[in-house]
Structure formats: C-alpha cells, structure tokens
C-alpha cells in the first residue's frame, strides 16, 4: 500500500482552480476538489494506475485524469507524490514538472 503525499505546489494549483470555478459555481468547485482527492486516494492501492504522458516517458511521472483537472505525480518506493494539478484545457509545459522536482 502506497502513501499519497501532496506537494505544496499541487495544493496551491488545486486551490487556484477551485477559486476560479467558484466564481461561477461554488458547488461545482467543491465537487472538483472532492473528486480530485478521491481520485488521488486510489493511488494508495493502485499507485501505477495513472498513464505515462508522451512528454514524460522515461521519467517516474504519471498522470491521472479527473475532469476538469489533470493530476501529475511521481512514484518513489511506496510513496506517490502529487506534484501538479492543472485544468484540462490549459496548455501545460510538461518539462516544468521534471525541472521543478530537481
């Protein structure tokens, strides 16, 4: 069983997304946050359940999809580190994930 640890950057990412959604629909913002945490909780039992995005192949990073967000994480030993959460439609430079974790 793996532990799930959230990086401060990932928590801030999710908070920013929720604040943006909350402007139009506070209930939707709460649902997004709840579903995101539910999705990452699955990593405790299935740490390798996320896909390996093309731009991150050859790295320990994976991605979970929990519409409308993408959750990026890496696995080290029995720990899944959540490193970034981004809105699905946003262009995101995947190299930032690797660079930010050095």
PDB file of N, CA and C in Angstrom:
ATOM      1  N   UNK A   1       0.848  -1.184   0.000  1.00  0.00           N
ATOM      2  CA  UNK A   1       0.000   0.000   0.000  1.00  0.00           C
ATOM      3  C   UNK A   1       0.891   1.244   0.000  1.00  0.00           C
ATOM      4  N   UNK A   2       0.594   2.163  -0.910  1.00  0.00           N
ATOM      5  CA  UNK A   2       1.395   3.380  -1.044  1.00  0.00           C
ATOM      6  C   UNK A   2       0.800   4.516  -0.212  1.00  0.00           C
ATOM      7  N   UNK A   3       1.670   5.432   0.168  1.00  0.00           N
ATOM      8  CA  UNK A   3       1.206   6.669   0.806  1.00  0.00           C
ATOM      9  C   UNK A   3       1.091   7.723  -0.277  1.00  0.00           C
ATOM     10  N   UNK A   4       0.148   8.625  -0.114  1.00  0.00           N
ATOM     11  CA  UNK A   4      -0.021   9.736  -1.051  1.00  0.00           C
ATOM     12  C   UNK A   4       0.372  11.016  -0.329  1.00  0.00           C
ATOM     13  N   UNK A   5       1.321  11.736  -0.914  1.00  0.00           N
ATOM     14  CA  UNK A   5       1.787  12.993  -0.333  1.00  0.00           C
ATOM     15  C   UNK A   5       1.629  14.095  -1.378  1.00  0.00           C
ATOM     16  N   UNK A   6       0.998  15.174  -0.958  1.00  0.00           N
ATOM     17  CA  UNK A   6       0.777  16.315  -1.839  1.00  0.00           C
ATOM     18  C   UNK A   6       1.878  17.352  -1.646  1.00  0.00           C
ATOM     19  N   UNK A   7       2.495  17.780  -2.746  1.00  0.00           N
ATOM     20  CA  UNK A   7       3.437  18.905  -2.703  1.00  0.00           C
ATOM     21  C   UNK A   7       2.635  20.190  -2.511  1.00  0.00           C
ATOM     22  N   UNK A   8       3.240  21.163  -1.862  1.00  0.00           N
ATOM     23  CA  UNK A   8       2.571  22.455  -1.663  1.00  0.00           C
ATOM     24  C   UNK A   8       2.135  23.063  -2.994  1.00  0.00           C
ATOM     25  N   UNK A   9       2.974  22.905  -4.022  1.00  0.00           N
ATOM     26  CA  UNK A   9       2.618  23.462  -5.334  1.00  0.00           C
ATOM     27  C   UNK A   9       1.330  22.842  -5.860  1.00  0.00           C
ATOM     28  N   UNK A  10       1.163  21.548  -5.681  1.00  0.00           N
ATOM     29  CA  UNK A  10      -0.046  20.869  -6.159  1.00  0.00           C
ATOM     30  C   UNK A  10      -1.278  21.342  -5.391  1.00  0.00           C
ATOM     31  N   UNK A  11      -1.139  21.519  -4.095  1.00  0.00           N
ATOM     32  CA  UNK A  11      -2.266  22.024  -3.298  1.00  0.00           C
ATOM     33  C   UNK A  11      -2.648  23.436  -3.725  1.00  0.00           C
ATOM     34  N   UNK A  12      -1.638  24.259  -4.001  1.00  0.00           N
ATOM     35  CA  UNK A  12      -1.917  25.625  -4.475  1.00  0.00           C
ATOM     36  C   UNK A  12      -2.581  25.595  -5.852  1.00  0.00           C
ATOM     37  N   UNK A  13      -2.108  24.684  -6.713  1.00  0.00           N
ATOM     38  CA  UNK A  13      -2.731  24.529  -8.032  1.00  0.00           C
ATOM     39  C   UNK A  13      -4.219  24.237  -7.884  1.00  0.00           C
ATOM     40  N   UNK A  14      -4.545  23.250  -7.055  1.00  0.00           N
ATOM     41  CA  UNK A  14      -5.940  22.848  -6.875  1.00  0.00           C
ATOM     42  C   UNK A  14      -6.761  23.982  -6.260  1.00  0.00           C
ATOM     43  N   UNK A  15      -6.178  24.679  -5.305  1.00  0.00           N
ATOM     44  CA  UNK A  15      -6.875  25.801  -4.677  1.00  0.00           C
ATOM     45  C   UNK A  15      -7.193  26.893  -5.704  1.00  0.00           C
ATOM     46  N   UNK A  16      -6.243  27.196  -6.571  1.00  0.00           N
ATOM     47  CA  UNK A  16      -6.457  28.222  -7.602  1.00  0.00           C
ATOM     48  C   UNK A  16      -7.558  27.810  -8.575  1.00  0.00           C
ATOM     49  N   UNK A  17      -7.544  26.545  -8.962  1.00  0.00           N
ATOM     50  CA  UNK A  17      -8.571  26.036  -9.872  1.00  0.00           C
ATOM     51  C   UNK A  17      -9.942  26.132  -9.209  1.00  0.00           C
ATOM     52  N   UNK A  18     -10.023  25.711  -7.961  1.00  0.00           N
ATOM     53  CA  UNK A  18     -11.298  25.751  -7.233  1.00  0.00           C
ATOM     54  C   UNK A  18     -11.799  27.185  -7.087  1.00  0.00           C
ATOM     55  N   UNK A  19     -10.902  28.115  -6.787  1.00  0.00           N
ATOM     56  CA  UNK A  19     -11.306  29.521  -6.647  1.00  0.00           C
ATOM     57  C   UNK A  19     -11.863  30.064  -7.958  1.00  0.00           C
ATOM     58  N   UNK A  20     -11.252  29.688  -9.059  1.00  0.00           N
ATOM     59  CA  UNK A  20     -11.723  30.138 -10.372  1.00  0.00           C
ATOM     60  C   UNK A  20     -13.115  29.572 -10.667  1.00  0.00           C
ATOM     61  N   UNK A  21     -13.298  28.285 -10.453  1.00  0.00           N
ATOM     62  CA  UNK A  21     -14.594  27.640 -10.706  1.00  0.00           C
ATOM     63  C   UNK A  21     -15.658  28.203  -9.775  1.00  0.00           C
ATOM     64  N   UNK A  22     -15.261  28.500  -8.543  1.00  0.00           N
ATOM     65  CA  UNK A  22     -16.189  29.007  -7.530  1.00  0.00           C
ATOM     66  C   UNK A  22     -16.832  30.338  -7.934  1.00  0.00           C
ATOM     67  N   UNK A  23     -16.138  31.105  -8.752  1.00  0.00           N
ATOM     68  CA  UNK A  23     -16.693  32.383  -9.211  1.00  0.00           C
ATOM     69  C   UNK A  23     -18.026  32.185  -9.927  1.00  0.00           C
ATOM     70  N   UNK A  24     -18.146  31.089 -10.665  1.00  0.00           N
ATOM     71  CA  UNK A  24     -19.380  30.796 -11.401  1.00  0.00           C
ATOM     72  C   UNK A  24     -20.290  29.814 -10.684  1.00  0.00           C
ATOM     73  N   UNK A  25     -19.683  28.850  -9.979  1.00  0.00           N
ATOM     74  CA  UNK A  25     -20.494  27.778  -9.399  1.00  0.00           C
ATOM     75  C   UNK A  25     -19.795  27.195  -8.165  1.00  0.00           C
ATOM     76  N   UNK A  26     -20.097  27.707  -6.985  1.00  0.00           N
ATOM     77  CA  UNK A  26     -19.448  27.223  -5.760  1.00  0.00           C
ATOM     78  C   UNK A  26     -19.610  25.713  -5.537  1.00  0.00           C
ATOM     79  N   UNK A  27     -20.776  25.173  -5.869  1.00  0.00           N
ATOM     80  CA  UNK A  27     -20.980  23.733  -5.684  1.00  0.00           C
ATOM     81  C   UNK A  27     -20.086  22.922  -6.617  1.00  0.00           C
ATOM     82  N   UNK A  28     -19.912  23.394  -7.843  1.00  0.00           N
ATOM     83  CA  UNK A  28     -19.033  22.710  -8.793  1.00  0.00           C
ATOM     84  C   UNK A  28     -17.591  22.724  -8.291  1.00  0.00           C
ATOM     85  N   UNK A  29     -17.171  23.825  -7.704  1.00  0.00           N
ATOM     86  CA  UNK A  29     -15.812  23.915  -7.167  1.00  0.00           C
ATOM     87  C   UNK A  29     -15.602  22.869  -6.075  1.00  0.00           C
ATOM     88  N   UNK A  30     -16.581  22.716  -5.206  1.00  0.00           N
ATOM     89  CA  UNK A  30     -16.479  21.709  -4.136  1.00  0.00           C
ATOM     90  C   UNK A  30     -16.416  20.305  -4.716  1.00  0.00           C
ATOM     91  N   UNK A  31     -17.212  20.050  -5.766  1.00  0.00           N
ATOM     92  CA  UNK A  31     -17.200  18.726  -6.402  1.00  0.00           C
ATOM     93  C   UNK A  31     -15.843  18.426  -7.029  1.00  0.00           C
ATOM     94  N   UNK A  32     -15.260  19.420  -7.687  1.00  0.00           N
ATOM     95  CA  UNK A  32     -13.955  19.223  -8.321  1.00  0.00           C
ATOM     96  C   UNK A  32     -12.909  18.871  -7.268  1.00  0.00           C
ATOM     97  N   UNK A  33     -12.892  19.592  -6.173  1.00  0.00           N
ATOM     98  CA  UNK A  33     -11.922  19.313  -5.102  1.00  0.00           C
ATOM     99  C   UNK A  33     -12.156  17.918  -4.533  1.00  0.00           C
ATOM    100  N   UNK A  34     -13.408  17.585  -4.240  1.00  0.00           N
ATOM    101  CA  UNK A  34     -13.724  16.271  -3.669  1.00  0.00           C
ATOM    102  C   UNK A  34     -13.311  15.144  -4.625  1.00  0.00           C
ATOM    103  N   UNK A  35     -13.659  15.283  -5.912  1.00  0.00           N
ATOM    104  CA  UNK A  35     -13.320  14.232  -6.883  1.00  0.00           C
ATOM    105  C   UNK A  35     -11.813  14.114  -7.079  1.00  0.00           C
ATOM    106  N   UNK A  36     -11.119  15.238  -7.012  1.00  0.00           N
ATOM    107  CA  UNK A  36      -9.663  15.200  -7.169  1.00  0.00           C
ATOM    108  C   UNK A  36      -9.031  14.409  -6.030  1.00  0.00           C
ATOM    109  N   UNK A  37      -9.462  14.662  -4.803  1.00  0.00           N
ATOM    110  CA  UNK A  37      -8.919  13.909  -3.670  1.00  0.00           C
ATOM    111  C   UNK A  37      -9.337  12.443  -3.722  1.00  0.00           C
ATOM    112  N   UNK A  38     -10.556  12.166  -4.161  1.00  0.00           N
ATOM    113  CA  UNK A  38     -10.988  10.772  -4.305  1.00  0.00           C
ATOM    114  C   UNK A  38     -10.124  10.050  -5.335  1.00  0.00           C
ATOM    115  N   UNK A  39      -9.826  10.731  -6.434  1.00  0.00           N
ATOM    116  CA  UNK A  39      -9.003  10.134  -7.489  1.00  0.00           C
ATOM    117  C   UNK A  39      -7.598   9.843  -6.978  1.00  0.00           C
ATOM    118  N   UNK A  40      -7.007  10.787  -6.240  1.00  0.00           N
ATOM    119  CA  UNK A  40      -5.651  10.546  -5.743  1.00  0.00           C
ATOM    120  C   UNK A  40      -5.637   9.504  -4.631  1.00  0.00           C
ATOM    121  N   UNK A  41      -6.739   9.349  -3.917  1.00  0.00           N
ATOM    122  CA  UNK A  41      -6.807   8.303  -2.887  1.00  0.00           C
ATOM    123  C   UNK A  41      -6.639   6.915  -3.488  1.00  0.00           C
ATOM    124  N   UNK A  42      -7.035   6.733  -4.753  1.00  0.00           N
ATOM    125  CA  UNK A  42      -6.894   5.421  -5.388  1.00  0.00           C
ATOM    126  C   UNK A  42      -5.429   5.013  -5.522  1.00  0.00           C
ATOM    127  N   UNK A  43      -4.537   6.003  -5.463  1.00  0.00           N
ATOM    128  CA  UNK A  43      -3.109   5.701  -5.581  1.00  0.00           C
ATOM    129  C   UNK A  43      -2.594   4.892  -4.398  1.00  0.00           C
ATOM    130  N   UNK A  44      -3.291   4.942  -3.276  1.00  0.00           N
ATOM    131  CA  UNK A  44      -2.881   4.142  -2.124  1.00  0.00           C
ATOM    132  C   UNK A  44      -2.875   2.661  -2.479  1.00  0.00           C
ATOM    133  N   UNK A  45      -3.872   2.222  -3.232  1.00  0.00           N
ATOM    134  CA  UNK A  45      -3.964   0.816  -3.624  1.00  0.00           C
ATOM    135  C   UNK A  45      -3.403   0.548  -5.014  1.00  0.00           C
ATOM    136  N   UNK A  46      -3.445   1.543  -5.889  1.00  0.00           N
ATOM    137  CA  UNK A  46      -3.012   1.363  -7.274  1.00  0.00           C
ATOM    138  C   UNK A  46      -2.089   2.503  -7.697  1.00  0.00           C
ATOM    139  N   UNK A  47      -0.881   2.564  -7.149  1.00  0.00           N
ATOM    140  CA  UNK A  47      -0.002   3.710  -7.419  1.00  0.00           C
ATOM    141  C   UNK A  47       0.395   3.861  -8.890  1.00  0.00           C
ATOM    142  N   UNK A  48       0.349   2.789  -9.643  1.00  0.00           N
ATOM    143  CA  UNK A  48       0.735   2.882 -11.050  1.00  0.00           C
ATOM    144  C   UNK A  48      -0.474   2.996 -11.973  1.00  0.00           C
ATOM    145  N   UNK A  49      -1.616   3.384 -11.430  1.00  0.00           N
ATOM    146  CA  UNK A  49      -2.839   3.446 -12.231  1.00  0.00           C
ATOM    147  C   UNK A  49      -2.862   4.605 -13.217  1.00  0.00           C
ATOM    148  N   UNK A  50      -2.050   5.614 -12.994  1.00  0.00           N
ATOM    149  CA  UNK A  50      -2.014   6.743 -13.917  1.00  0.00           C
ATOM    150  C   UNK A  50      -1.267   6.398 -15.190  1.00  0.00           C
ATOM    151  N   UNK A  51      -1.565   7.136 -16.246  1.00  0.00           N
ATOM    152  CA  UNK A  51      -0.889   6.913 -17.527  1.00  0.00           C
ATOM    153  C   UNK A  51       0.445   7.653 -17.548  1.00  0.00           C
ATOM    154  N   UNK A  52       1.303   7.249 -18.489  1.00  0.00           N
ATOM    155  CA  UNK A  52       2.572   7.944 -18.693  1.00  0.00           C
ATOM    156  C   UNK A  52       2.409   8.836 -19.920  1.00  0.00           C
ATOM    157  N   UNK A  53       2.260  10.137 -19.714  1.00  0.00           N
ATOM    158  CA  UNK A  53       2.089  11.043 -20.856  1.00  0.00           C
ATOM    159  C   UNK A  53       3.307  11.003 -21.777  1.00  0.00           C
ATOM    160  N   UNK A  54       3.045  11.194 -23.051  1.00  0.00           N
ATOM    161  CA  UNK A  54       4.113  11.135 -24.046  1.00  0.00           C
ATOM    162  C   UNK A  54       5.314  11.996 -23.656  1.00  0.00           C
ATOM    163  N   UNK A  55       5.076  13.195 -23.187  1.00  0.00           N
ATOM    164  CA  UNK A  55       6.165  14.098 -22.843  1.00  0.00           C
ATOM    165  C   UNK A  55       6.921  13.727 -21.582  1.00  0.00           C
ATOM    166  N   UNK A  56       6.444  12.707 -20.857  1.00  0.00           N
ATOM    167  CA  UNK A  56       7.096  12.311 -19.605  1.00  0.00           C
ATOM    168  C   UNK A  56       7.585  10.867 -19.624  1.00  0.00           C
ATOM    169  N   UNK A  57       7.560  10.235 -20.803  1.00  0.00           N
ATOM    170  CA  UNK A  57       8.048   8.855 -20.884  1.00  0.00           C
ATOM    171  C   UNK A  57       9.524   8.830 -20.497  1.00  0.00           C
ATOM    172  N   UNK A  58       9.951   7.779 -19.836  1.00  0.00           N
ATOM    173  CA  UNK A  58      11.330   7.679 -19.379  1.00  0.00           C
ATOM    174  C   UNK A  58      11.570   8.387 -18.056  1.00  0.00           C
ATOM    175  N   UNK A  59      10.508   8.906 -17.456  1.00  0.00           N
ATOM    176  CA  UNK A  59      10.602   9.553 -16.147  1.00  0.00           C
ATOM    177  C   UNK A  59       9.684   8.806 -15.182  1.00  0.00           C
ATOM    178  N   UNK A  60       9.776   9.072 -13.891  1.00  0.00           N
ATOM    179  CA  UNK A  60       8.886   8.395 -12.940  1.00  0.00           C
ATOM    180  C   UNK A  60       7.504   9.050 -12.828  1.00  0.00           C
ATOM    181  N   UNK A  61       7.195   9.988 -13.723  1.00  0.00           N
ATOM    182  CA  UNK A  61       5.956  10.757 -13.612  1.00  0.00           C
ATOM    183  C   UNK A  61       4.803  10.098 -14.351  1.00  0.00           C
ATOM    184  N   UNK A  62       3.613  10.262 -13.761  1.00  0.00           N
ATOM    185  CA  UNK A  62       2.377   9.730 -14.330  1.00  0.00           C
ATOM    186  C   UNK A  62       1.294  10.784 -14.218  1.00  0.00           C
ATOM    187  N   UNK A  63       0.150  10.493 -14.865  1.00  0.00           N
ATOM    188  CA  UNK A  63      -0.951  11.448 -14.862  1.00  0.00           C
ATOM    189  C   UNK A  63      -2.270  10.721 -14.623  1.00  0.00           C
ATOM    190  N   UNK A  64      -3.079  11.310 -13.759  1.00  0.00           N
ATOM    191  CA  UNK A  64      -4.459  10.870 -13.558  1.00  0.00           C
ATOM    192  C   UNK A  64      -5.371  11.938 -14.145  1.00  0.00           C
ATOM    193  N   UNK A  65      -6.501  11.503 -14.675  1.00  0.00           N
ATOM    194  CA  UNK A  65      -7.486  12.441 -15.206  1.00  0.00           C
ATOM    195  C   UNK A  65      -8.708  12.414 -14.307  1.00  0.00           C
ATOM    196  N   UNK A  66      -9.073  13.577 -13.816  1.00  0.00           N
ATOM    197  CA  UNK A  66     -10.281  13.745 -13.014  1.00  0.00           C
ATOM    198  C   UNK A  66     -10.929  15.032 -13.507  1.00  0.00           C
ATOM    199  N   UNK A  67     -11.681  14.920 -14.585  1.00  0.00           N
ATOM    200  CA  UNK A  67     -12.226  16.105 -15.258  1.00  0.00           C
ATOM    201  C   UNK A  67     -12.823  17.088 -14.265  1.00  0.00           C
ATOM    202  N   UNK A  68     -12.459  18.332 -14.375  1.00  0.00           N
ATOM    203  CA  UNK A  68     -11.727  19.001 -15.440  1.00  0.00           C
ATOM    204  C   UNK A  68     -10.238  19.193 -15.138  1.00  0.00           C
ATOM    205  N   UNK A  69      -9.654  18.349 -14.298  1.00  0.00           N
ATOM    206  CA  UNK A  69      -8.240  18.541 -13.964  1.00  0.00           C
ATOM    207  C   UNK A  69      -7.393  17.332 -14.340  1.00  0.00           C
ATOM    208  N   UNK A  70      -6.118  17.610 -14.540  1.00  0.00           N
ATOM    209  CA  UNK A  70      -5.098  16.586 -14.746  1.00  0.00           C
ATOM    210  C   UNK A  70      -4.196  16.623 -13.525  1.00  0.00           C
ATOM    211  N   UNK A  71      -3.909  15.457 -12.991  1.00  0.00           N
ATOM    212  CA  UNK A  71      -3.125  15.340 -11.767  1.00  0.00           C
ATOM    213  C   UNK A  71      -1.807  14.662 -12.125  1.00  0.00           C
ATOM    214  N   UNK A  72      -0.701  15.343 -11.909  1.00  0.00           N
ATOM    215  CA  UNK A  72       0.614  14.787 -12.216  1.00  0.00           C
ATOM    216  C   UNK A  72       1.282  14.346 -10.919  1.00  0.00           C
ATOM    217  N   UNK A  73       1.883  13.156 -10.960  1.00  0.00           N
ATOM    218  CA  UNK A  73       2.529  12.628  -9.765  1.00  0.00           C
ATOM    219  C   UNK A  73       3.709  11.753 -10.151  1.00  0.00           C
ATOM    220  N   UNK A  74       4.546  11.474  -9.173  1.00  0.00           N
ATOM    221  CA  UNK A  74       5.663  10.550  -9.381  1.00  0.00           C
ATOM    222  C   UNK A  74       5.641   9.521  -8.266  1.00  0.00           C
ATOM    223  N   UNK A  75       6.208   8.383  -8.559  1.00  0.00           N
ATOM    224  CA  UNK A  75       6.257   7.295  -7.587  1.00  0.00           C
ATOM    225  C   UNK A  75       7.709   7.098  -7.161  1.00  0.00           C
ATOM    226  N   UNK A  76       7.920   7.061  -5.856  1.00  0.00           N
ATOM    227  CA  UNK A  76       9.231   6.731  -5.287  1.00  0.00           C
ATOM    228  C   UNK A  76       8.985   5.743  -4.170  1.00  0.00           C
ATOM    229  N   UNK A  77       9.560   4.561  -4.328  1.00  0.00           N
ATOM    230  CA  UNK A  77       9.361   3.489  -3.356  1.00  0.00           C
ATOM    231  C   UNK A  77       7.860   3.270  -3.164  1.00  0.00           C
ATOM    232  N   UNK A  78       7.359   3.444  -1.966  1.00  0.00           N
ATOM    233  CA  UNK A  78       5.929   3.227  -1.720  1.00  0.00           C
ATOM    234  C   UNK A  78       5.193   4.551  -1.486  1.00  0.00           C
ATOM    235  N   UNK A  79       5.682   5.615  -2.139  1.00  0.00           N
ATOM    236  CA  UNK A  79       5.067   6.934  -1.985  1.00  0.00           C
ATOM    237  C   UNK A  79       4.690   7.491  -3.357  1.00  0.00           C
ATOM    238  N   UNK A  80       3.467   7.997  -3.457  1.00  0.00           N
ATOM    239  CA  UNK A  80       3.018   8.706  -4.657  1.00  0.00           C
ATOM    240  C   UNK A  80       2.995  10.192  -4.304  1.00  0.00           C
ATOM    241  N   UNK A  81       3.875  10.959  -4.925  1.00  0.00           N
ATOM    242  CA  UNK A  81       3.971  12.398  -4.681  1.00  0.00           C
ATOM    243  C   UNK A  81       3.151  13.146  -5.730  1.00  0.00           C
ATOM    244  N   UNK A  82       2.114  13.846  -5.295  1.00  0.00           N
ATOM    245  CA  UNK A  82       1.316  14.671  -6.201  1.00  0.00           C
ATOM    246  C   UNK A  82       2.089  15.970  -6.385  1.00  0.00           C
ATOM    247  N   UNK A  83       2.490  16.273  -7.632  1.00  0.00           N
ATOM    248  CA  UNK A  83       3.362  17.427  -7.856  1.00  0.00           C
ATOM    249  C   UNK A  83       2.677  18.607  -8.543  1.00  0.00           C
ATOM    250  N   UNK A  84       1.666  18.345  -9.383  1.00  0.00           N
ATOM    251  CA  UNK A  84       0.953  19.437 -10.061  1.00  0.00           C
ATOM    252  C   UNK A  84      -0.474  19.017 -10.364  1.00  0.00           C
ATOM    253  N   UNK A  85      -1.360  19.997 -10.350  1.00  0.00           N
ATOM    254  CA  UNK A  85      -2.745  19.813 -10.781  1.00  0.00           C
ATOM    255  C   UNK A  85      -3.039  20.965 -11.731  1.00  0.00           C
ATOM    256  N   UNK A  86      -3.502  20.644 -12.939  1.00  0.00           N
ATOM    257  CA  UNK A  86      -3.785  21.692 -13.925  1.00  0.00           C
ATOM    258  C   UNK A  86      -5.165  21.484 -14.534  1.00  0.00           C
ATOM    259  N   UNK A  87      -5.774  22.584 -14.975  1.00  0.00           N
ATOM    260  CA  UNK A  87      -7.053  22.464 -15.692  1.00  0.00           C
ATOM    261  C   UNK A  87      -6.791  21.762 -17.013  1.00  0.00           C
ATOM    262  N   UNK A  88      -7.686  20.866 -17.357  1.00  0.00           N
ATOM    263  CA  UNK A  88      -7.526  20.012 -18.525  1.00  0.00           C
ATOM    264  C   UNK A  88      -7.285  20.794 -19.814  1.00  0.00           C
ATOM    265  N   UNK A  89      -8.004  21.896 -20.005  1.00  0.00           N
ATOM    266  CA  UNK A  89      -7.897  22.618 -21.271  1.00  0.00           C
ATOM    267  C   UNK A  89      -6.694  23.557 -21.330  1.00  0.00           C
ATOM    268  N   UNK A  90      -5.993  23.708 -20.238  1.00  0.00           N
ATOM    269  CA  UNK A  90      -4.854  24.627 -20.193  1.00  0.00           C
ATOM    270  C   UNK A  90      -3.625  23.987 -20.833  1.00  0.00           C
ATOM    271  N   UNK A  91      -2.926  24.763 -21.628  1.00  0.00           N
ATOM    272  CA  UNK A  91      -1.652  24.291 -22.183  1.00  0.00           C
ATOM    273  C   UNK A  91      -0.649  24.261 -21.036  1.00  0.00           C
ATOM    274  N   UNK A  92       0.020  23.132 -20.882  1.00  0.00           N
ATOM    275  CA  UNK A  92       0.951  22.990 -19.769  1.00  0.00           C
ATOM    276  C   UNK A  92       2.234  22.368 -20.282  1.00  0.00           C
ATOM    277  N   UNK A  93       3.343  23.010 -20.026  1.00  0.00           N
ATOM    278  CA  UNK A  93       4.651  22.524 -20.450  1.00  0.00           C
ATOM    279  C   UNK A  93       5.084  21.406 -19.505  1.00  0.00           C
ATOM    280  N   UNK A  94       5.042  20.171 -19.996  1.00  0.00           N
ATOM    281  CA  UNK A  94       5.362  19.022 -19.147  1.00  0.00           C
ATOM    282  C   UNK A  94       6.793  19.055 -18.620  1.00  0.00           C
ATOM    283  N   UNK A  95       7.697  19.721 -19.322  1.00  0.00           N
ATOM    284  CA  UNK A  95       9.079  19.782 -18.837  1.00  0.00           C
ATOM    285  C   UNK A  95       9.163  20.518 -17.502  1.00  0.00           C
ATOM    286  N   UNK A  96       8.171  21.379 -17.198  1.00  0.00           N
ATOM    287  CA  UNK A  96       8.152  22.075 -15.901  1.00  0.00           C
ATOM    288  C   UNK A  96       8.071  21.091 -14.744  1.00  0.00           C
ATOM    289  N   UNK A  97       7.378  19.990 -14.956  1.00  0.00           N
ATOM    290  CA  UNK A  97       7.226  19.001 -13.890  1.00  0.00           C
ATOM    291  C   UNK A  97       8.582  18.448 -13.503  1.00  0.00           C
ATOM    292  N   UNK A  98       9.343  18.028 -14.487  1.00  0.00           N
ATOM    293  CA  UNK A  98      10.657  17.441 -14.222  1.00  0.00           C
ATOM    294  C   UNK A  98      11.607  18.492 -13.668  1.00  0.00           C
ATOM    295  N   UNK A  99      11.617  19.685 -14.256  1.00  0.00           N
ATOM    296  CA  UNK A  99      12.523  20.748 -13.807  1.00  0.00           C
ATOM    297  C   UNK A  99      12.223  21.186 -12.381  1.00  0.00           C
ATOM    298  N   UNK A 100      10.947  21.295 -12.019  1.00  0.00           N
ATOM    299  CA  UNK A 100      10.574  21.755 -10.679  1.00  0.00           C
ATOM    300  C   UNK A 100      10.930  20.760  -9.590  1.00  0.00           C
ATOM    301  N   UNK A 101      11.154  19.521  -9.946  1.00  0.00           N
ATOM    302  CA  UNK A 101      11.405  18.497  -8.938  1.00  0.00           C
ATOM    303  C   UNK A 101      12.887  18.204  -8.747  1.00  0.00           C
ATOM    304  N   UNK A 102      13.753  18.910  -9.473  1.00  0.00           N
ATOM    305  CA  UNK A 102      15.199  18.670  -9.343  1.00  0.00           C
ATOM    306  C   UNK A 102      15.741  19.288  -8.084  1.00  0.00           C
TER     307      UNK A 102
END
